[in-house]
Amino acid sequence: MVTIRKARQDDAEILTEIGMRAWRKAMASVGEAADMAANAREAFARFAEEGWITITVVEKSGVPVGWAAREDMDETITDFWIDPDFEGQGFGTALLAALEDELKAQGIALARLQTHAMNTDALTFFKKKGYSVNWLTVTYNPKLDRDVQSVGLSKSLSDASATGYGQEF
């Protein structure tokens, strides 16, 4: 059974572990993730402990299997992590739908996110869910000693059937 809920403070440890497993998989195409793993773990732990109020969790039978966040509670989905052992089972789809519903309920008509350009699994997933690439940027990563490309994606959440003012004739 799939459940979507808001994170709790006591979720920090499991959210950190899910984030790390998903991050390692996402970083495999970039390489040298081992060099950055300690920093990534620290960042996940700190965010899960301090930013838990902005996190939405997806569970399978009461056990967290993924999470997403909107750090500034605006239109940007800043984190989206599904445990690799649970990918392809609909948990990401359920989590994304919940985030989009939350955005719509807040009157936000556009969802935004970004990932690194070689994260083909994420790009494929979000494109299948109606997201389009809006920009590509290259940033030097000193820990990797090379440039890394990032991709920005967005999706309109407005009702496409709305045609304008007044009654349709």
C-alpha atoms as a PDB file:
ATOM      1  CA  MET A   1       0.000   0.000   0.000  1.00  0.00           C
ATOM      2  CA  VAL A   2       1.324   3.437  -0.997  1.00  0.00           C
ATOM      3  CA  THR A   3       1.022   6.276   1.493  1.00  0.00           C
ATOM      4  CA  ILE A   4       2.091   9.897   1.051  1.00  0.00           C
ATOM      5  CA  ARG A   5       2.700  11.956   4.172  1.00  0.00           C
ATOM      6  CA  LYS A   6       4.647  14.884   5.516  1.00  0.00           C
ATOM      7  CA  ALA A   7       8.001  14.054   7.091  1.00  0.00           C
ATOM      8  CA  ARG A   8       8.543  13.984  10.831  1.00  0.00           C
ATOM      9  CA  GLN A   9      11.657  14.969  12.741  1.00  0.00           C
ATOM     10  CA  ASP A  10      12.335  11.346  13.642  1.00  0.00           C
ATOM     11  CA  ASP A  11      12.505  10.392   9.922  1.00  0.00           C
ATOM     12  CA  ALA A  12      15.925  12.024   9.470  1.00  0.00           C
ATOM     13  CA  GLU A  13      18.023   8.851   9.624  1.00  0.00           C
ATOM     14  CA  ILE A  14      15.976   6.813   7.140  1.00  0.00           C
ATOM     15  CA  LEU A  15      15.573   9.805   4.790  1.00  0.00           C
ATOM     16  CA  THR A  16      19.353  10.264   4.834  1.00  0.00           C
ATOM     17  CA  GLU A  17      19.869   6.601   3.907  1.00  0.00           C
ATOM     18  CA  ILE A  18      17.305   6.739   1.087  1.00  0.00           C
ATOM     19  CA  GLY A  19      18.863   9.962  -0.186  1.00  0.00           C
ATOM     20  CA  MET A  20      22.344   8.447  -0.167  1.00  0.00           C
ATOM     21  CA  ARG A  21      21.308   5.266  -2.014  1.00  0.00           C
ATOM     22  CA  ALA A  22      19.453   7.290  -4.666  1.00  0.00           C
ATOM     23  CA  TRP A  23      22.259   9.879  -4.885  1.00  0.00           C
ATOM     24  CA  ARG A  24      24.908   7.183  -5.451  1.00  0.00           C
ATOM     25  CA  LYS A  25      22.844   5.763  -8.306  1.00  0.00           C
ATOM     26  CA  ALA A  26      22.257   9.212  -9.822  1.00  0.00           C
ATOM     27  CA  MET A  27      25.946  10.086  -9.555  1.00  0.00           C
ATOM     28  CA  ALA A  28      27.184   6.839 -11.130  1.00  0.00           C
ATOM     29  CA  SER A  29      27.199   8.424 -14.586  1.00  0.00           C
ATOM     30  CA  VAL A  30      29.184  11.424 -13.336  1.00  0.00           C
ATOM     31  CA  GLY A  31      31.770   9.265 -11.596  1.00  0.00           C
ATOM     32  CA  GLU A  32      33.923   9.767  -8.532  1.00  0.00           C
ATOM     33  CA  ALA A  33      30.921   9.896  -6.197  1.00  0.00           C
ATOM     34  CA  ALA A  34      32.988   8.148  -3.524  1.00  0.00           C
ATOM     35  CA  ASP A  35      35.069  11.312  -3.162  1.00  0.00           C
ATOM     36  CA  MET A  36      31.918  13.309  -2.435  1.00  0.00           C
ATOM     37  CA  ALA A  37      29.979  10.734  -0.381  1.00  0.00           C
ATOM     38  CA  ALA A  38      30.929  12.058   3.063  1.00  0.00           C
ATOM     39  CA  ASN A  39      29.858  15.588   2.118  1.00  0.00           C
ATOM     40  CA  ALA A  40      26.658  14.260   0.552  1.00  0.00           C
ATOM     41  CA  ARG A  41      25.810  12.225   3.682  1.00  0.00           C
ATOM     42  CA  GLU A  42      26.401  15.266   5.883  1.00  0.00           C
ATOM     43  CA  ALA A  43      24.209  17.422   3.628  1.00  0.00           C
ATOM     44  CA  PHE A  44      21.389  14.850   3.569  1.00  0.00           C
ATOM     45  CA  ALA A  45      21.523  14.383   7.349  1.00  0.00           C
ATOM     46  CA  ARG A  46      21.542  18.121   8.043  1.00  0.00           C
ATOM     47  CA  PHE A  47      18.685  18.790   5.640  1.00  0.00           C
ATOM     48  CA  ALA A  48      16.556  15.885   6.936  1.00  0.00           C
ATOM     49  CA  GLU A  49      17.104  17.064  10.515  1.00  0.00           C
ATOM     50  CA  GLU A  50      16.580  20.789   9.909  1.00  0.00           C
ATOM     51  CA  GLY A  51      14.385  20.963   6.805  1.00  0.00           C
ATOM     52  CA  TRP A  52      12.045  18.075   7.524  1.00  0.00           C
ATOM     53  CA  ILE A  53       9.027  20.373   7.489  1.00  0.00           C
ATOM     54  CA  THR A  54       9.508  20.885   3.713  1.00  0.00           C
ATOM     55  CA  ILE A  55       9.780  17.134   2.969  1.00  0.00           C
ATOM     56  CA  THR A  56       7.051  14.837   1.649  1.00  0.00           C
ATOM     57  CA  VAL A  57       7.543  11.082   2.135  1.00  0.00           C
ATOM     58  CA  VAL A  58       6.234   8.131   0.114  1.00  0.00           C
ATOM     59  CA  GLU A  59       5.832   4.866   2.001  1.00  0.00           C
ATOM     60  CA  LYS A  60       5.230   1.229   1.174  1.00  0.00           C
ATOM     61  CA  SER A  61       3.271  -0.488   3.948  1.00  0.00           C
ATOM     62  CA  GLY A  62       4.355   2.148   6.462  1.00  0.00           C
ATOM     63  CA  VAL A  63       8.069   2.131   5.530  1.00  0.00           C
ATOM     64  CA  PRO A  64       9.572   5.174   3.737  1.00  0.00           C
ATOM     65  CA  VAL A  65      10.860   4.341   0.245  1.00  0.00           C
ATOM     66  CA  GLY A  66      11.339   7.859  -1.112  1.00  0.00           C
ATOM     67  CA  TRP A  67      11.013  11.550  -0.432  1.00  0.00           C
ATOM     68  CA  ALA A  68      10.922  14.933  -2.066  1.00  0.00           C
ATOM     69  CA  ALA A  69      11.280  18.500  -0.830  1.00  0.00           C
ATOM     70  CA  ARG A  70      10.416  22.057  -1.711  1.00  0.00           C
ATOM     71  CA  GLU A  71      12.962  23.907   0.424  1.00  0.00           C
ATOM     72  CA  ASP A  72      11.493  27.373  -0.097  1.00  0.00           C
ATOM     73  CA  MET A  73       7.896  26.146  -0.422  1.00  0.00           C
ATOM     74  CA  ASP A  74       7.762  27.748  -3.858  1.00  0.00           C
ATOM     75  CA  GLU A  75       7.389  26.147  -7.304  1.00  0.00           C
ATOM     76  CA  THR A  76      10.783  24.417  -7.168  1.00  0.00           C
ATOM     77  CA  ILE A  77      11.105  20.758  -6.244  1.00  0.00           C
ATOM     78  CA  THR A  78      14.613  20.799  -4.779  1.00  0.00           C
ATOM     79  CA  ASP A  79      14.936  17.117  -3.907  1.00  0.00           C
ATOM     80  CA  PHE A  80      13.375  13.969  -5.343  1.00  0.00           C
ATOM     81  CA  TRP A  81      14.803  10.663  -4.142  1.00  0.00           C
ATOM     82  CA  ILE A  82      13.388   7.160  -4.558  1.00  0.00           C
ATOM     83  CA  ASP A  83      15.289   4.233  -3.061  1.00  0.00           C
ATOM     84  CA  PRO A  84      16.738   2.376  -6.084  1.00  0.00           C
ATOM     85  CA  ASP A  85      15.313  -0.912  -4.738  1.00  0.00           C
ATOM     86  CA  PHE A  86      11.816   0.533  -5.180  1.00  0.00           C
ATOM     87  CA  GLU A  87      12.126   2.282  -8.543  1.00  0.00           C
ATOM     88  CA  GLY A  88       9.651   1.358 -11.260  1.00  0.00           C
ATOM     89  CA  GLN A  89       6.922   0.420  -8.781  1.00  0.00           C
ATOM     90  CA  GLY A  90       4.890   3.642  -8.949  1.00  0.00           C
ATOM     91  CA  PHE A  91       6.270   5.313  -5.820  1.00  0.00           C
ATOM     92  CA  GLY A  92       7.892   8.167  -7.748  1.00  0.00           C
ATOM     93  CA  THR A  93       4.713   8.700  -9.736  1.00  0.00           C
ATOM     94  CA  ALA A  94       2.619   8.857  -6.554  1.00  0.00           C
ATOM     95  CA  LEU A  95       5.069  11.213  -4.860  1.00  0.00           C
ATOM     96  CA  LEU A  96       5.271  13.551  -7.851  1.00  0.00           C
ATOM     97  CA  ALA A  97       1.467  13.632  -8.197  1.00  0.00           C
ATOM     98  CA  ALA A  98       1.169  14.578  -4.517  1.00  0.00           C
ATOM     99  CA  LEU A  99       3.698  17.394  -4.936  1.00  0.00           C
ATOM    100  CA  GLU A 100       1.923  18.678  -8.033  1.00  0.00           C
ATOM    101  CA  ASP A 101      -1.436  18.582  -6.200  1.00  0.00           C
ATOM    102  CA  GLU A 102       0.125  20.533  -3.335  1.00  0.00           C
ATOM    103  CA  LEU A 103       1.479  23.144  -5.749  1.00  0.00           C
ATOM    104  CA  LYS A 104      -1.911  23.488  -7.468  1.00  0.00           C
ATOM    105  CA  ALA A 105      -3.680  23.835  -4.111  1.00  0.00           C
ATOM    106  CA  GLN A 106      -1.323  26.723  -3.327  1.00  0.00           C
ATOM    107  CA  GLY A 107      -2.219  28.393  -6.636  1.00  0.00           C
ATOM    108  CA  ILE A 108       1.184  27.658  -8.189  1.00  0.00           C
ATOM    109  CA  ALA A 109       0.781  26.989 -11.914  1.00  0.00           C
ATOM    110  CA  LEU A 110       4.294  25.834 -12.811  1.00  0.00           C
ATOM    111  CA  ALA A 111       6.505  23.154 -11.236  1.00  0.00           C
ATOM    112  CA  ARG A 112      10.285  23.423 -11.626  1.00  0.00           C
ATOM    113  CA  LEU A 113      13.236  21.167 -10.849  1.00  0.00           C
ATOM    114  CA  GLN A 114      16.758  20.432 -11.975  1.00  0.00           C
ATOM    115  CA  THR A 115      19.157  17.502 -12.203  1.00  0.00           C
ATOM    116  CA  HIS A 116      22.520  16.800 -13.722  1.00  0.00           C
ATOM    117  CA  ALA A 117      22.367  16.246 -17.465  1.00  0.00           C
ATOM    118  CA  MET A 118      23.696  12.670 -17.310  1.00  0.00           C
ATOM    119  CA  ASN A 119      20.966  11.518 -14.905  1.00  0.00           C
ATOM    120  CA  THR A 120      19.097   9.798 -17.715  1.00  0.00           C
ATOM    121  CA  ASP A 121      16.756   7.878 -15.388  1.00  0.00           C
ATOM    122  CA  ALA A 122      15.512  11.109 -13.818  1.00  0.00           C
ATOM    123  CA  LEU A 123      15.269  12.900 -17.147  1.00  0.00           C
ATOM    124  CA  THR A 124      13.280  10.024 -18.658  1.00  0.00           C
ATOM    125  CA  PHE A 125      10.972   9.846 -15.630  1.00  0.00           C
ATOM    126  CA  PHE A 126      10.195  13.557 -15.533  1.00  0.00           C
ATOM    127  CA  LYS A 127       9.752  13.834 -19.309  1.00  0.00           C
ATOM    128  CA  LYS A 128       7.218  10.965 -19.169  1.00  0.00           C
ATOM    129  CA  LYS A 129       5.375  12.960 -16.508  1.00  0.00           C
ATOM    130  CA  GLY A 130       5.066  16.006 -18.786  1.00  0.00           C
ATOM    131  CA  TYR A 131       8.172  17.981 -17.830  1.00  0.00           C
ATOM    132  CA  SER A 132      10.142  19.816 -20.520  1.00  0.00           C
ATOM    133  CA  VAL A 133      13.766  20.871 -20.534  1.00  0.00           C
ATOM    134  CA  ASN A 134      14.036  24.665 -20.252  1.00  0.00           C
ATOM    135  CA  TRP A 135      17.736  25.231 -19.817  1.00  0.00           C
ATOM    136  CA  LEU A 136      21.155  23.633 -19.694  1.00  0.00           C
ATOM    137  CA  THR A 137      24.085  25.056 -17.787  1.00  0.00           C
ATOM    138  CA  VAL A 138      27.646  23.984 -17.168  1.00  0.00           C
ATOM    139  CA  THR A 139      29.278  24.564 -13.784  1.00  0.00           C
ATOM    140  CA  TYR A 140      32.792  23.716 -12.706  1.00  0.00           C
ATOM    141  CA  ASN A 141      32.821  21.238  -9.810  1.00  0.00           C
ATOM    142  CA  PRO A 142      36.106  21.567  -7.893  1.00  0.00           C
ATOM    143  CA  LYS A 143      35.635  18.229  -6.108  1.00  0.00           C
ATOM    144  CA  LEU A 144      35.451  16.450  -9.456  1.00  0.00           C
ATOM    145  CA  ASP A 145      37.866  18.884 -11.124  1.00  0.00           C
ATOM    146  CA  ARG A 146      35.635  19.123 -14.168  1.00  0.00           C
ATOM    147  CA  ASP A 147      32.552  20.773 -15.581  1.00  0.00           C
ATOM    148  CA  VAL A 148      29.173  19.212 -14.800  1.00  0.00           C
ATOM    149  CA  GLN A 149      26.078  19.975 -16.852  1.00  0.00           C
ATOM    150  CA  SER A 150      22.748  20.648 -15.119  1.00  0.00           C
ATOM    151  CA  VAL A 151      19.322  20.601 -16.744  1.00  0.00           C
ATOM    152  CA  GLY A 152      16.310  22.645 -15.653  1.00  0.00           C
ATOM    153  CA  LEU A 153      12.855  21.217 -16.282  1.00  0.00           C
ATOM    154  CA  SER A 154       9.354  22.554 -15.775  1.00  0.00           C
ATOM    155  CA  LYS A 155       5.726  21.552 -16.201  1.00  0.00           C
ATOM    156  CA  SER A 156       2.619  23.671 -16.434  1.00  0.00           C
ATOM    157  CA  LEU A 157       0.092  22.668 -13.782  1.00  0.00           C
ATOM    158  CA  SER A 158      -2.714  24.876 -15.055  1.00  0.00           C
ATOM    159  CA  ASP A 159      -5.871  23.334 -16.430  1.00  0.00           C
ATOM    160  CA  ALA A 160      -5.355  23.160 -20.194  1.00  0.00           C
ATOM    161  CA  SER A 161      -9.121  22.947 -20.744  1.00  0.00           C
ATOM    162  CA  ALA A 162      -9.731  26.441 -19.382  1.00  0.00           C
ATOM    163  CA  THR A 163     -10.340  28.642 -22.389  1.00  0.00           C
ATOM    164  CA  GLY A 164     -10.850  32.081 -20.939  1.00  0.00           C
ATOM    165  CA  TYR A 165     -13.517  34.258 -19.413  1.00  0.00           C
ATOM    166  CA  GLY A 166     -17.192  33.569 -19.077  1.00  0.00           C
ATOM    167  CA  GLN A 167     -19.385  30.855 -20.409  1.00  0.00           C
ATOM    168  CA  GLU A 168     -18.486  28.773 -23.464  1.00  0.00           C
ATOM    169  CA  PHE A 169     -20.936  28.907 -26.350  1.00  0.00           C
END
